[in-house]
Amino acid sequence: PGQGFLDRMIALVEGAERQKTPNEIALTILLVGLTI
């Protein structure tokens, strides 16, 4: 329970488990650096 296809799809469309991608993390670090 909680690990099926429907569960993963619900989490995905709600954005609840959306992890930042490497590209997004790198850009976030750049933005933070510029802010500092």
Full PDB file with SEQRES, HELIX, SHEET, SSBOND, CRYST1, ORIGX, SCALE, CONECT and MASTER records, all heavy atoms in Angstrom:
SEQRES   1 A   36  PRO GLY GLN GLY PHE LEU ASP ARG MET ILE ALA LEU VAL          
SEQRES   2 A   36  GLU GLY ALA GLU ARG GLN LYS THR PRO ASN GLU ILE ALA          
SEQRES   3 A   36  LEU THR ILE LEU LEU VAL GLY LEU THR ILE                      
HELIX    1 AA1 PHE A    5  GLU A   14  1                                  10    
HELIX    2 AA2 PRO A   22  THR A   35  1                                  14    
CRYST1    1.000    1.000    1.000  90.00  90.00  90.00 P 1           1          
ORIGX1      1.000000  0.000000  0.000000        0.00000                         
ORIGX2      0.000000  1.000000  0.000000        0.00000                         
ORIGX3      0.000000  0.000000  1.000000        0.00000                         
SCALE1      1.000000  0.000000  0.000000        0.00000                         
SCALE2      0.000000  1.000000  0.000000        0.00000                         
SCALE3      0.000000  0.000000  1.000000        0.00000                         
ATOM      1  N   PRO A   1       0.821  -1.218   0.000  1.00  0.00           N  
ATOM      2  CA  PRO A   1       0.000   0.000   0.000  1.00  0.00           C  
ATOM      3  C   PRO A   1       0.855   1.269   0.000  1.00  0.00           C  
ATOM      4  O   PRO A   1       1.880   1.341   0.681  1.00  0.00           O  
ATOM      5  CB  PRO A   1      -0.799  -0.120   1.306  1.00  0.00           C  
ATOM      6  CG  PRO A   1      -0.861  -1.583   1.579  1.00  0.00           C  
ATOM      7  CD  PRO A   1       0.439  -2.143   1.095  1.00  0.00           C  
ATOM      8  N   GLY A   2       0.404   2.252  -0.770  1.00  0.00           N  
ATOM      9  CA  GLY A   2       1.109   3.534  -0.823  1.00  0.00           C  
ATOM     10  C   GLY A   2       2.263   3.579  -1.787  1.00  0.00           C  
ATOM     11  O   GLY A   2       2.894   4.625  -1.959  1.00  0.00           O  
ATOM     12  N   GLN A   3       2.576   2.439  -2.434  1.00  0.00           N  
ATOM     13  CA  GLN A   3       3.721   2.396  -3.338  1.00  0.00           C  
ATOM     14  C   GLN A   3       3.322   2.107  -4.788  1.00  0.00           C  
ATOM     15  O   GLN A   3       4.182   1.897  -5.633  1.00  0.00           O  
ATOM     16  CB  GLN A   3       4.714   1.324  -2.870  1.00  0.00           C  
ATOM     17  CG  GLN A   3       5.259   1.569  -1.480  1.00  0.00           C  
ATOM     18  CD  GLN A   3       6.171   0.456  -1.010  1.00  0.00           C  
ATOM     19  OE1 GLN A   3       6.515  -0.449  -1.772  1.00  0.00           O  
ATOM     20  NE2 GLN A   3       6.567   0.508   0.253  1.00  0.00           N  
ATOM     21  N   GLY A   4       2.046   2.103  -5.071  1.00  0.00           N  
ATOM     22  CA  GLY A   4       1.583   1.738  -6.397  1.00  0.00           C  
ATOM     23  C   GLY A   4       1.671   2.862  -7.404  1.00  0.00           C  
ATOM     24  O   GLY A   4       2.054   4.002  -7.094  1.00  0.00           O  
ATOM     25  N   PHE A   5       1.263   2.517  -8.591  1.00  0.00           N  
ATOM     26  CA  PHE A   5       1.311   3.452  -9.720  1.00  0.00           C  
ATOM     27  C   PHE A   5       0.424   4.676  -9.461  1.00  0.00           C  
ATOM     28  O   PHE A   5       0.824   5.818  -9.691  1.00  0.00           O  
ATOM     29  CB  PHE A   5       0.847   2.699 -10.973  1.00  0.00           C  
ATOM     30  CG  PHE A   5       1.115   3.406 -12.257  1.00  0.00           C  
ATOM     31  CD1 PHE A   5       2.368   3.355 -12.832  1.00  0.00           C  
ATOM     32  CD2 PHE A   5       0.121   4.116 -12.894  1.00  0.00           C  
ATOM     33  CE1 PHE A   5       2.618   4.004 -14.027  1.00  0.00           C  
ATOM     34  CE2 PHE A   5       0.364   4.767 -14.090  1.00  0.00           C  
ATOM     35  CZ  PHE A   5       1.623   4.706 -14.651  1.00  0.00           C  
ATOM     36  N   LEU A   6      -0.798   4.448  -8.956  1.00  0.00           N  
ATOM     37  CA  LEU A   6      -1.692   5.558  -8.652  1.00  0.00           C  
ATOM     38  C   LEU A   6      -1.107   6.472  -7.588  1.00  0.00           C  
ATOM     39  O   LEU A   6      -1.217   7.695  -7.677  1.00  0.00           O  
ATOM     40  CB  LEU A   6      -3.050   5.024  -8.184  1.00  0.00           C  
ATOM     41  CG  LEU A   6      -4.093   4.705  -9.252  1.00  0.00           C  
ATOM     42  CD1 LEU A   6      -5.353   4.176  -8.598  1.00  0.00           C  
ATOM     43  CD2 LEU A   6      -4.415   5.916 -10.085  1.00  0.00           C  
ATOM     44  N   ASP A   7      -0.483   5.883  -6.574  1.00  0.00           N  
ATOM     45  CA  ASP A   7       0.108   6.695  -5.503  1.00  0.00           C  
ATOM     46  C   ASP A   7       1.214   7.593  -6.042  1.00  0.00           C  
ATOM     47  O   ASP A   7       1.300   8.774  -5.689  1.00  0.00           O  
ATOM     48  CB  ASP A   7       0.669   5.775  -4.405  1.00  0.00           C  
ATOM     49  CG  ASP A   7      -0.405   4.909  -3.784  1.00  0.00           C  
ATOM     50  OD1 ASP A   7      -1.236   5.445  -3.040  1.00  0.00           O  
ATOM     51  OD2 ASP A   7      -0.405   3.703  -4.055  1.00  0.00           O  
ATOM     52  N   ARG A   8       2.063   7.025  -6.907  1.00  0.00           N  
ATOM     53  CA  ARG A   8       3.157   7.823  -7.468  1.00  0.00           C  
ATOM     54  C   ARG A   8       2.604   8.918  -8.377  1.00  0.00           C  
ATOM     55  O   ARG A   8       3.126  10.032  -8.411  1.00  0.00           O  
ATOM     56  CB  ARG A   8       4.117   6.928  -8.257  1.00  0.00           C  
ATOM     57  CG  ARG A   8       4.882   5.941  -7.384  1.00  0.00           C  
ATOM     58  CD  ARG A   8       6.167   5.474  -8.077  1.00  0.00           C  
ATOM     59  NE  ARG A   8       5.926   4.920  -9.380  1.00  0.00           N  
ATOM     60  CZ  ARG A   8       5.686   3.631  -9.613  1.00  0.00           C  
ATOM     61  NH1 ARG A   8       5.630   2.780  -8.610  1.00  0.00           N  
ATOM     62  NH2 ARG A   8       5.494   3.193 -10.848  1.00  0.00           N  
ATOM     63  N   MET A   9       1.548   8.588  -9.116  1.00  0.00           N  
ATOM     64  CA  MET A   9       0.970   9.573 -10.024  1.00  0.00           C  
ATOM     65  C   MET A   9       0.330  10.722  -9.240  1.00  0.00           C  
ATOM     66  O   MET A   9       0.464  11.896  -9.610  1.00  0.00           O  
ATOM     67  CB  MET A   9      -0.055   8.902 -10.922  1.00  0.00           C  
ATOM     68  CG  MET A   9      -0.431   9.724 -12.146  1.00  0.00           C  
ATOM     69  SD  MET A   9      -1.321   8.723 -13.341  1.00  0.00           S  
ATOM     70  CE  MET A   9      -1.498   9.924 -14.663  1.00  0.00           C  
ATOM     71  N   ILE A  10      -0.384  10.403  -8.160  1.00  0.00           N  
ATOM     72  CA  ILE A  10      -1.000  11.438  -7.329  1.00  0.00           C  
ATOM     73  C   ILE A  10       0.078  12.354  -6.751  1.00  0.00           C  
ATOM     74  O   ILE A  10      -0.046  13.586  -6.775  1.00  0.00           O  
ATOM     75  CB  ILE A  10      -1.836  10.798  -6.202  1.00  0.00           C  
ATOM     76  CG1 ILE A  10      -3.076  10.120  -6.788  1.00  0.00           C  
ATOM     77  CG2 ILE A  10      -2.239  11.839  -5.168  1.00  0.00           C  
ATOM     78  CD1 ILE A  10      -3.812   9.246  -5.795  1.00  0.00           C  
ATOM     79  N   ALA A  11       1.157  11.759  -6.228  1.00  0.00           N  
ATOM     80  CA  ALA A  11       2.243  12.563  -5.662  1.00  0.00           C  
ATOM     81  C   ALA A  11       2.877  13.451  -6.723  1.00  0.00           C  
ATOM     82  O   ALA A  11       3.236  14.602  -6.458  1.00  0.00           O  
ATOM     83  CB  ALA A  11       3.298  11.640  -5.038  1.00  0.00           C  
ATOM     84  N   LEU A  12       2.984  12.906  -7.926  1.00  0.00           N  
ATOM     85  CA  LEU A  12       3.617  13.675  -8.996  1.00  0.00           C  
ATOM     86  C   LEU A  12       2.770  14.868  -9.407  1.00  0.00           C  
ATOM     87  O   LEU A  12       3.256  15.997  -9.460  1.00  0.00           O  
ATOM     88  CB  LEU A  12       3.862  12.778 -10.211  1.00  0.00           C  
ATOM     89  CG  LEU A  12       4.406  13.506 -11.440  1.00  0.00           C  
ATOM     90  CD1 LEU A  12       5.832  13.953 -11.203  1.00  0.00           C  
ATOM     91  CD2 LEU A  12       4.329  12.635 -12.667  1.00  0.00           C  
ATOM     92  N   VAL A  13       1.492  14.643  -9.676  1.00  0.00           N  
ATOM     93  CA  VAL A  13       0.669  15.736 -10.176  1.00  0.00           C  
ATOM     94  C   VAL A  13       0.421  16.798  -9.117  1.00  0.00           C  
ATOM     95  O   VAL A  13       0.164  17.956  -9.420  1.00  0.00           O  
ATOM     96  CB  VAL A  13      -0.680  15.228 -10.742  1.00  0.00           C  
ATOM     97  CG1 VAL A  13      -0.467  14.336 -11.925  1.00  0.00           C  
ATOM     98  CG2 VAL A  13      -1.506  14.524  -9.671  1.00  0.00           C  
ATOM     99  N   GLU A  14       0.508  16.428  -7.840  1.00  0.00           N  
ATOM    100  CA  GLU A  14       0.363  17.415  -6.775  1.00  0.00           C  
ATOM    101  C   GLU A  14       1.674  18.126  -6.472  1.00  0.00           C  
ATOM    102  O   GLU A  14       1.696  19.107  -5.747  1.00  0.00           O  
ATOM    103  CB  GLU A  14      -0.156  16.739  -5.505  1.00  0.00           C  
ATOM    104  CG  GLU A  14      -1.617  16.313  -5.593  1.00  0.00           C  
ATOM    105  CD  GLU A  14      -2.160  15.868  -4.267  1.00  0.00           C  
ATOM    106  OE1 GLU A  14      -1.403  15.238  -3.503  1.00  0.00           O  
ATOM    107  OE2 GLU A  14      -3.334  16.153  -3.975  1.00  0.00           O  
ATOM    108  N   GLY A  15       2.768  17.614  -7.005  1.00  0.00           N  
ATOM    109  CA  GLY A  15       4.055  18.249  -6.759  1.00  0.00           C  
ATOM    110  C   GLY A  15       4.610  17.940  -5.378  1.00  0.00           C  
ATOM    111  O   GLY A  15       5.598  18.540  -4.951  1.00  0.00           O  
ATOM    112  N   ALA A  16       3.961  17.009  -4.650  1.00  0.00           N  
ATOM    113  CA  ALA A  16       4.366  16.764  -3.269  1.00  0.00           C  
ATOM    114  C   ALA A  16       5.760  16.170  -3.170  1.00  0.00           C  
ATOM    115  O   ALA A  16       6.460  16.385  -2.189  1.00  0.00           O  
ATOM    116  CB  ALA A  16       3.362  15.817  -2.601  1.00  0.00           C  
ATOM    117  N   GLU A  17       6.175  15.424  -4.164  1.00  0.00           N  
ATOM    118  CA  GLU A  17       7.479  14.771  -4.086  1.00  0.00           C  
ATOM    119  C   GLU A  17       8.423  15.279  -5.166  1.00  0.00           C  
ATOM    120  O   GLU A  17       9.396  14.618  -5.507  1.00  0.00           O  
ATOM    121  CB  GLU A  17       7.312  13.250  -4.213  1.00  0.00           C  
ATOM    122  CG  GLU A  17       6.567  12.625  -3.051  1.00  0.00           C  
ATOM    123  CD  GLU A  17       6.515  11.113  -3.155  1.00  0.00           C  
ATOM    124  OE1 GLU A  17       7.023  10.579  -4.157  1.00  0.00           O  
ATOM    125  OE2 GLU A  17       5.983  10.479  -2.243  1.00  0.00           O  
ATOM    126  N   ARG A  18       8.111  16.464  -5.710  1.00  0.00           N  
ATOM    127  CA  ARG A  18       8.971  16.991  -6.773  1.00  0.00           C  
ATOM    128  C   ARG A  18      10.296  17.457  -6.188  1.00  0.00           C  
ATOM    129  O   ARG A  18      10.372  18.407  -5.417  1.00  0.00           O  
ATOM    130  CB  ARG A  18       8.293  18.162  -7.496  1.00  0.00           C  
ATOM    131  CG  ARG A  18       8.962  18.484  -8.822  1.00  0.00           C  
ATOM    132  CD  ARG A  18       8.427  19.771  -9.398  1.00  0.00           C  
ATOM    133  NE  ARG A  18       8.986  20.934  -8.749  1.00  0.00           N  
ATOM    134  CZ  ARG A  18      10.152  21.487  -9.092  1.00  0.00           C  
ATOM    135  NH1 ARG A  18      10.863  20.972 -10.059  1.00  0.00           N  
ATOM    136  NH2 ARG A  18      10.612  22.541  -8.460  1.00  0.00           N  
ATOM    137  N   GLN A  19      11.351  16.762  -6.535  1.00  0.00           N  
ATOM    138  CA  GLN A  19      12.686  17.133  -6.085  1.00  0.00           C  
ATOM    139  C   GLN A  19      13.340  18.030  -7.124  1.00  0.00           C  
ATOM    140  O   GLN A  19      13.140  17.876  -8.323  1.00  0.00           O  
ATOM    141  CB  GLN A  19      13.538  15.866  -5.882  1.00  0.00           C  
ATOM    142  CG  GLN A  19      12.951  14.884  -4.877  1.00  0.00           C  
ATOM    143  CD  GLN A  19      12.894  15.457  -3.484  1.00  0.00           C  
ATOM    144  OE1 GLN A  19      13.819  16.135  -3.039  1.00  0.00           O  
ATOM    145  NE2 GLN A  19      11.798  15.207  -2.777  1.00  0.00           N  
ATOM    146  N   LYS A  20      14.138  18.982  -6.662  1.00  0.00           N  
ATOM    147  CA  LYS A  20      14.850  19.846  -7.591  1.00  0.00           C  
ATOM    148  C   LYS A  20      15.847  19.024  -8.401  1.00  0.00           C  
ATOM    149  O   LYS A  20      16.537  18.157  -7.862  1.00  0.00           O  
ATOM    150  CB  LYS A  20      15.584  20.959  -6.841  1.00  0.00           C  
ATOM    151  CG  LYS A  20      14.652  22.017  -6.260  1.00  0.00           C  
ATOM    152  CD  LYS A  20      15.427  23.182  -5.669  1.00  0.00           C  
ATOM    153  CE  LYS A  20      14.486  24.276  -5.193  1.00  0.00           C  
ATOM    154  NZ  LYS A  20      15.225  25.435  -4.635  1.00  0.00           N  
ATOM    155  N   THR A  21      15.911  19.312  -9.681  1.00  0.00           N  
ATOM    156  CA  THR A  21      16.829  18.592 -10.560  1.00  0.00           C  
ATOM    157  C   THR A  21      18.230  19.191 -10.435  1.00  0.00           C  
ATOM    158  O   THR A  21      18.395  20.310  -9.934  1.00  0.00           O  
ATOM    159  CB  THR A  21      16.361  18.704 -12.011  1.00  0.00           C  
ATOM    160  OG1 THR A  21      16.410  20.080 -12.405  1.00  0.00           O  
ATOM    161  CG2 THR A  21      14.933  18.214 -12.157  1.00  0.00           C  
ATOM    162  N   PRO A  22      19.271  18.471 -10.880  1.00  0.00           N  
ATOM    163  CA  PRO A  22      20.637  19.018 -10.811  1.00  0.00           C  
ATOM    164  C   PRO A  22      20.769  20.369 -11.494  1.00  0.00           C  
ATOM    165  O   PRO A  22      21.443  21.274 -10.985  1.00  0.00           O  
ATOM    166  CB  PRO A  22      21.467  17.941 -11.530  1.00  0.00           C  
ATOM    167  CG  PRO A  22      20.704  16.680 -11.318  1.00  0.00           C  
ATOM    168  CD  PRO A  22      19.257  17.078 -11.346  1.00  0.00           C  
ATOM    169  N   ASN A  23      20.104  20.519 -12.649  1.00  0.00           N  
ATOM    170  CA  ASN A  23      20.165  21.798 -13.357  1.00  0.00           C  
ATOM    171  C   ASN A  23      19.535  22.911 -12.532  1.00  0.00           C  
ATOM    172  O   ASN A  23      20.065  24.019 -12.430  1.00  0.00           O  
ATOM    173  CB  ASN A  23      19.445  21.647 -14.706  1.00  0.00           C  
ATOM    174  CG  ASN A  23      19.514  22.888 -15.562  1.00  0.00           C  
ATOM    175  OD1 ASN A  23      18.923  23.901 -15.230  1.00  0.00           O  
ATOM    176  ND2 ASN A  23      20.213  22.811 -16.675  1.00  0.00           N  
ATOM    177  N   GLU A  24      18.396  22.606 -11.922  1.00  0.00           N  
ATOM    178  CA  GLU A  24      17.687  23.595 -11.104  1.00  0.00           C  
ATOM    179  C   GLU A  24      18.481  23.931  -9.848  1.00  0.00           C  
ATOM    180  O   GLU A  24      18.536  25.089  -9.420  1.00  0.00           O  
ATOM    181  CB  GLU A  24      16.313  23.042 -10.742  1.00  0.00           C  
ATOM    182  CG  GLU A  24      15.360  24.062 -10.158  1.00  0.00           C  
ATOM    183  CD  GLU A  24      13.973  23.491  -9.947  1.00  0.00           C  
ATOM    184  OE1 GLU A  24      13.685  22.416 -10.499  1.00  0.00           O  
ATOM    185  OE2 GLU A  24      13.185  24.132  -9.225  1.00  0.00           O  
ATOM    186  N   ILE A  25      19.107  22.926  -9.248  1.00  0.00           N  
ATOM    187  CA  ILE A  25      19.926  23.160  -8.054  1.00  0.00           C  
ATOM    188  C   ILE A  25      21.105  24.063  -8.390  1.00  0.00           C  
ATOM    189  O   ILE A  25      21.428  25.010  -7.654  1.00  0.00           O  
ATOM    190  CB  ILE A  25      20.413  21.815  -7.470  1.00  0.00           C  
ATOM    191  CG1 ILE A  25      19.237  21.035  -6.886  1.00  0.00           C  
ATOM    192  CG2 ILE A  25      21.483  22.051  -6.398  1.00  0.00           C  
ATOM    193  CD1 ILE A  25      19.579  19.619  -6.486  1.00  0.00           C  
ATOM    194  N   ALA A  26      21.759  23.781  -9.535  1.00  0.00           N  
ATOM    195  CA  ALA A  26      22.905  24.602  -9.947  1.00  0.00           C  
ATOM    196  C   ALA A  26      22.488  26.051 -10.171  1.00  0.00           C  
ATOM    197  O   ALA A  26      23.181  26.991  -9.751  1.00  0.00           O  
ATOM    198  CB  ALA A  26      23.527  24.028 -11.216  1.00  0.00           C  
ATOM    199  N   LEU A  27      21.337  26.243 -10.811  1.00  0.00           N  
ATOM    200  CA  LEU A  27      20.861  27.605 -11.066  1.00  0.00           C  
ATOM    201  C   LEU A  27      20.477  28.295  -9.763  1.00  0.00           C  
ATOM    202  O   LEU A  27      20.739  29.488  -9.577  1.00  0.00           O  
ATOM    203  CB  LEU A  27      19.664  27.561 -12.023  1.00  0.00           C  
ATOM    204  CG  LEU A  27      19.139  28.907 -12.536  1.00  0.00           C  
ATOM    205  CD1 LEU A  27      20.263  29.736 -13.148  1.00  0.00           C  
ATOM    206  CD2 LEU A  27      18.027  28.699 -13.552  1.00  0.00           C  
ATOM    207  N   THR A  28      19.884  27.543  -8.825  1.00  0.00           N  
ATOM    208  CA  THR A  28      19.538  28.113  -7.522  1.00  0.00           C  
ATOM    209  C   THR A  28      20.786  28.570  -6.779  1.00  0.00           C  
ATOM    210  O   THR A  28      20.813  29.653  -6.171  1.00  0.00           O  
ATOM    211  CB  THR A  28      18.767  27.089  -6.673  1.00  0.00           C  
ATOM    212  OG1 THR A  28      17.572  26.711  -7.364  1.00  0.00           O  
ATOM    213  CG2 THR A  28      18.400  27.662  -5.321  1.00  0.00           C  
ATOM    214  N   ILE A  29      21.835  27.753  -6.826  1.00  0.00           N  
ATOM    215  CA  ILE A  29      23.105  28.128  -6.174  1.00  0.00           C  
ATOM    216  C   ILE A  29      23.658  29.403  -6.789  1.00  0.00           C  
ATOM    217  O   ILE A  29      24.152  30.302  -6.088  1.00  0.00           O  
ATOM    218  CB  ILE A  29      24.117  26.971  -6.281  1.00  0.00           C  
ATOM    219  CG1 ILE A  29      23.650  25.776  -5.436  1.00  0.00           C  
ATOM    220  CG2 ILE A  29      25.507  27.424  -5.852  1.00  0.00           C  
ATOM    221  CD1 ILE A  29      24.477  24.530  -5.630  1.00  0.00           C  
ATOM    222  N   LEU A  30      23.571  29.506  -8.123  1.00  0.00           N  
ATOM    223  CA  LEU A  30      24.047  30.719  -8.798  1.00  0.00           C  
ATOM    224  C   LEU A  30      23.242  31.939  -8.347  1.00  0.00           C  
ATOM    225  O   LEU A  30      23.816  33.001  -8.053  1.00  0.00           O  
ATOM    226  CB  LEU A  30      23.931  30.544 -10.313  1.00  0.00           C  
ATOM    227  CG  LEU A  30      24.264  31.780 -11.172  1.00  0.00           C  
ATOM    228  CD1 LEU A  30      25.719  32.199 -10.970  1.00  0.00           C  
ATOM    229  CD2 LEU A  30      23.979  31.513 -12.639  1.00  0.00           C  
ATOM    230  N   LEU A  31      21.922  31.801  -8.276  1.00  0.00           N  
ATOM    231  CA  LEU A  31      21.074  32.913  -7.861  1.00  0.00           C  
ATOM    232  C   LEU A  31      21.370  33.320  -6.417  1.00  0.00           C  
ATOM    233  O   LEU A  31      21.401  34.512  -6.092  1.00  0.00           O  
ATOM    234  CB  LEU A  31      19.597  32.540  -8.012  1.00  0.00           C  
ATOM    235  CG  LEU A  31      19.107  32.202  -9.424  1.00  0.00           C  
ATOM    236  CD1 LEU A  31      17.623  31.896  -9.415  1.00  0.00           C  
ATOM    237  CD2 LEU A  31      19.405  33.332 -10.391  1.00  0.00           C  
ATOM    238  N   VAL A  32      21.576  32.332  -5.554  1.00  0.00           N  
ATOM    239  CA  VAL A  32      21.916  32.634  -4.153  1.00  0.00           C  
ATOM    240  C   VAL A  32      23.260  33.348  -4.080  1.00  0.00           C  
ATOM    241  O   VAL A  32      23.440  34.326  -3.338  1.00  0.00           O  
ATOM    242  CB  VAL A  32      21.939  31.338  -3.316  1.00  0.00           C  
ATOM    243  CG1 VAL A  32      22.511  31.610  -1.930  1.00  0.00           C  
ATOM    244  CG2 VAL A  32      20.541  30.759  -3.204  1.00  0.00           C  
ATOM    245  N   GLY A  33      24.230  32.876  -4.887  1.00  0.00           N  
ATOM    246  CA  GLY A  33      25.544  33.527  -4.910  1.00  0.00           C  
ATOM    247  C   GLY A  33      25.458  34.981  -5.346  1.00  0.00           C  
ATOM    248  O   GLY A  33      26.076  35.870  -4.736  1.00  0.00           O  
ATOM    249  N   LEU A  34      24.680  35.224  -6.389  1.00  0.00           N  
ATOM    250  CA  LEU A  34      24.505  36.605  -6.851  1.00  0.00           C  
ATOM    251  C   LEU A  34      23.827  37.460  -5.786  1.00  0.00           C  
ATOM    252  O   LEU A  34      24.186  38.628  -5.582  1.00  0.00           O  
ATOM    253  CB  LEU A  34      23.671  36.621  -8.138  1.00  0.00           C  
ATOM    254  CG  LEU A  34      24.348  36.084  -9.400  1.00  0.00           C  
ATOM    255  CD1 LEU A  34      23.352  36.014 -10.552  1.00  0.00           C  
ATOM    256  CD2 LEU A  34      25.533  36.967  -9.788  1.00  0.00           C  
ATOM    257  N   THR A  35      22.865  36.881  -5.089  1.00  0.00           N  
ATOM    258  CA  THR A  35      22.163  37.619  -4.036  1.00  0.00           C  
ATOM    259  C   THR A  35      23.117  38.015  -2.916  1.00  0.00           C  
ATOM    260  O   THR A  35      23.091  39.151  -2.417  1.00  0.00           O  
ATOM    261  CB  THR A  35      21.009  36.765  -3.476  1.00  0.00           C  
ATOM    262  OG1 THR A  35      20.115  36.439  -4.538  1.00  0.00           O  
ATOM    263  CG2 THR A  35      20.248  37.504  -2.391  1.00  0.00           C  
ATOM    264  N   ILE A  36      23.972  37.088  -2.522  1.00  0.00           N  
ATOM    265  CA  ILE A  36      24.942  37.376  -1.459  1.00  0.00           C  
ATOM    266  C   ILE A  36      25.908  38.471  -1.900  1.00  0.00           C  
ATOM    267  O   ILE A  36      26.224  39.409  -1.142  1.00  0.00           O  
ATOM    268  CB  ILE A  36      25.702  36.090  -1.068  1.00  0.00           C  
ATOM    269  CG1 ILE A  36      24.746  35.091  -0.409  1.00  0.00           C  
ATOM    270  CG2 ILE A  36      26.867  36.412  -0.145  1.00  0.00           C  
ATOM    271  CD1 ILE A  36      25.347  33.726  -0.169  1.00  0.00           C  
TER     272      ILE A  36                                                      
MASTER        0    0    0    2    0    0    0    6  271    1    0    3          
END                                                                             
